[in-house]
């Protein structure tokens, strides 16, 4: 639902993007853990490796959204002072 305020909509979009990326990251890490061998020193199966790679990419996406949100709010605060 649109609030009609583009600034508030952008803030909500960035918050949602960060939260979604973090949820997906956590799911990918759970998958990697389920696919991983239970003994130390054993190599990771291919699916676990891909899940870890995906989790890292999703972590970067979440961090980028958080940085963009922080930058956007800082810009708004500077603009208001």
C-alpha atoms as a PDB file:
ATOM      1  CA  UNK A   1       0.000   0.000   0.000  1.00  0.00           C
ATOM      2  CA  UNK A   2       1.293   3.404  -0.932  1.00  0.00           C
ATOM      3  CA  UNK A   3       1.548   6.110   1.694  1.00  0.00           C
ATOM      4  CA  UNK A   4       1.712   8.828  -0.929  1.00  0.00           C
ATOM      5  CA  UNK A   5       4.953  10.086   0.594  1.00  0.00           C
ATOM      6  CA  UNK A   6       7.880   9.125  -1.656  1.00  0.00           C
ATOM      7  CA  UNK A   7      10.448   9.627   1.110  1.00  0.00           C
ATOM      8  CA  UNK A   8       8.604   7.344   3.509  1.00  0.00           C
ATOM      9  CA  UNK A   9       8.060   4.820   0.725  1.00  0.00           C
ATOM     10  CA  UNK A  10      11.795   4.759  -0.045  1.00  0.00           C
ATOM     11  CA  UNK A  11      12.644   4.248   3.625  1.00  0.00           C
ATOM     12  CA  UNK A  12      10.131   1.395   3.853  1.00  0.00           C
ATOM     13  CA  UNK A  13      11.458  -0.156   0.632  1.00  0.00           C
ATOM     14  CA  UNK A  14      15.023  -0.115   1.949  1.00  0.00           C
ATOM     15  CA  UNK A  15      13.995  -1.532   5.326  1.00  0.00           C
ATOM     16  CA  UNK A  16      12.024  -4.281   3.582  1.00  0.00           C
ATOM     17  CA  UNK A  17      14.917  -5.084   1.229  1.00  0.00           C
ATOM     18  CA  UNK A  18      17.334  -5.381   4.147  1.00  0.00           C
ATOM     19  CA  UNK A  19      14.983  -7.580   6.173  1.00  0.00           C
ATOM     20  CA  UNK A  20      14.194  -9.833   3.199  1.00  0.00           C
ATOM     21  CA  UNK A  21      17.876 -10.293   2.348  1.00  0.00           C
ATOM     22  CA  UNK A  22      18.687 -11.173   5.958  1.00  0.00           C
ATOM     23  CA  UNK A  23      15.840 -13.730   6.103  1.00  0.00           C
ATOM     24  CA  UNK A  24      16.997 -15.329   2.863  1.00  0.00           C
ATOM     25  CA  UNK A  25      20.599 -15.311   4.090  1.00  0.00           C
ATOM     26  CA  UNK A  26      19.564 -17.151   7.222  1.00  0.00           C
ATOM     27  CA  UNK A  27      17.647 -19.723   5.165  1.00  0.00           C
ATOM     28  CA  UNK A  28      20.668 -20.274   2.914  1.00  0.00           C
ATOM     29  CA  UNK A  29      22.900 -20.757   5.964  1.00  0.00           C
ATOM     30  CA  UNK A  30      20.424 -23.243   7.422  1.00  0.00           C
ATOM     31  CA  UNK A  31      20.496 -25.163   4.141  1.00  0.00           C
ATOM     32  CA  UNK A  32      24.304 -25.155   4.124  1.00  0.00           C
ATOM     33  CA  UNK A  33      24.344 -26.472   7.686  1.00  0.00           C
ATOM     34  CA  UNK A  34      21.869 -29.245   6.867  1.00  0.00           C
ATOM     35  CA  UNK A  35      23.964 -30.279   3.858  1.00  0.00           C
ATOM     36  CA  UNK A  36      27.291 -30.139   5.682  1.00  0.00           C
ATOM     37  CA  UNK A  37      29.061 -33.222   6.989  1.00  0.00           C
ATOM     38  CA  UNK A  38      28.877 -33.636  10.736  1.00  0.00           C
ATOM     39  CA  UNK A  39      32.533 -34.511  11.149  1.00  0.00           C
ATOM     40  CA  UNK A  40      35.284 -31.908  11.109  1.00  0.00           C
ATOM     41  CA  UNK A  41      37.718 -32.084   8.251  1.00  0.00           C
ATOM     42  CA  UNK A  42      35.298 -33.474   5.698  1.00  0.00           C
ATOM     43  CA  UNK A  43      34.863 -31.397   2.535  1.00  0.00           C
ATOM     44  CA  UNK A  44      31.611 -29.550   1.976  1.00  0.00           C
ATOM     45  CA  UNK A  45      29.222 -31.070  -0.549  1.00  0.00           C
ATOM     46  CA  UNK A  46      28.539 -28.977  -3.655  1.00  0.00           C
ATOM     47  CA  UNK A  47      25.069 -27.906  -2.474  1.00  0.00           C
ATOM     48  CA  UNK A  48      26.455 -26.695   0.852  1.00  0.00           C
ATOM     49  CA  UNK A  49      29.154 -24.703  -0.960  1.00  0.00           C
ATOM     50  CA  UNK A  50      26.559 -23.060  -3.204  1.00  0.00           C
ATOM     51  CA  UNK A  51      24.351 -22.286  -0.195  1.00  0.00           C
ATOM     52  CA  UNK A  52      27.271 -20.609   1.595  1.00  0.00           C
ATOM     53  CA  UNK A  53      28.064 -18.587  -1.534  1.00  0.00           C
ATOM     54  CA  UNK A  54      24.404 -17.551  -1.765  1.00  0.00           C
ATOM     55  CA  UNK A  55      24.360 -16.609   1.919  1.00  0.00           C
ATOM     56  CA  UNK A  56      27.406 -14.382   1.421  1.00  0.00           C
ATOM     57  CA  UNK A  57      25.779 -12.670  -1.548  1.00  0.00           C
ATOM     58  CA  UNK A  58      22.569 -12.117   0.420  1.00  0.00           C
ATOM     59  CA  UNK A  59      24.568 -10.747   3.341  1.00  0.00           C
ATOM     60  CA  UNK A  60      26.181  -8.232   0.984  1.00  0.00           C
ATOM     61  CA  UNK A  61      22.751  -7.286  -0.364  1.00  0.00           C
ATOM     62  CA  UNK A  62      21.432  -6.718   3.168  1.00  0.00           C
ATOM     63  CA  UNK A  63      24.476  -4.655   4.118  1.00  0.00           C
ATOM     64  CA  UNK A  64      24.133  -2.564   0.950  1.00  0.00           C
ATOM     65  CA  UNK A  65      20.479  -1.842   1.750  1.00  0.00           C
ATOM     66  CA  UNK A  66      21.402  -0.907   5.321  1.00  0.00           C
ATOM     67  CA  UNK A  67      24.156   1.437   4.092  1.00  0.00           C
ATOM     68  CA  UNK A  68      21.829   3.031   1.555  1.00  0.00           C
ATOM     69  CA  UNK A  69      19.171   3.541   4.215  1.00  0.00           C
ATOM     70  CA  UNK A  70      21.729   5.076   6.567  1.00  0.00           C
ATOM     71  CA  UNK A  71      23.024   7.368   3.819  1.00  0.00           C
ATOM     72  CA  UNK A  72      19.489   8.374   2.875  1.00  0.00           C
ATOM     73  CA  UNK A  73      18.565   9.239   6.461  1.00  0.00           C
ATOM     74  CA  UNK A  74      21.823  11.150   6.945  1.00  0.00           C
ATOM     75  CA  UNK A  75      21.077  13.116   3.768  1.00  0.00           C
ATOM     76  CA  UNK A  76      17.583  13.943   5.020  1.00  0.00           C
ATOM     77  CA  UNK A  77      18.941  15.026   8.412  1.00  0.00           C
ATOM     78  CA  UNK A  78      21.520  17.313   6.772  1.00  0.00           C
ATOM     79  CA  UNK A  79      18.876  18.716   4.441  1.00  0.00           C
ATOM     80  CA  UNK A  80      16.617  19.542   7.400  1.00  0.00           C
ATOM     81  CA  UNK A  81      19.267  21.379   9.413  1.00  0.00           C
END
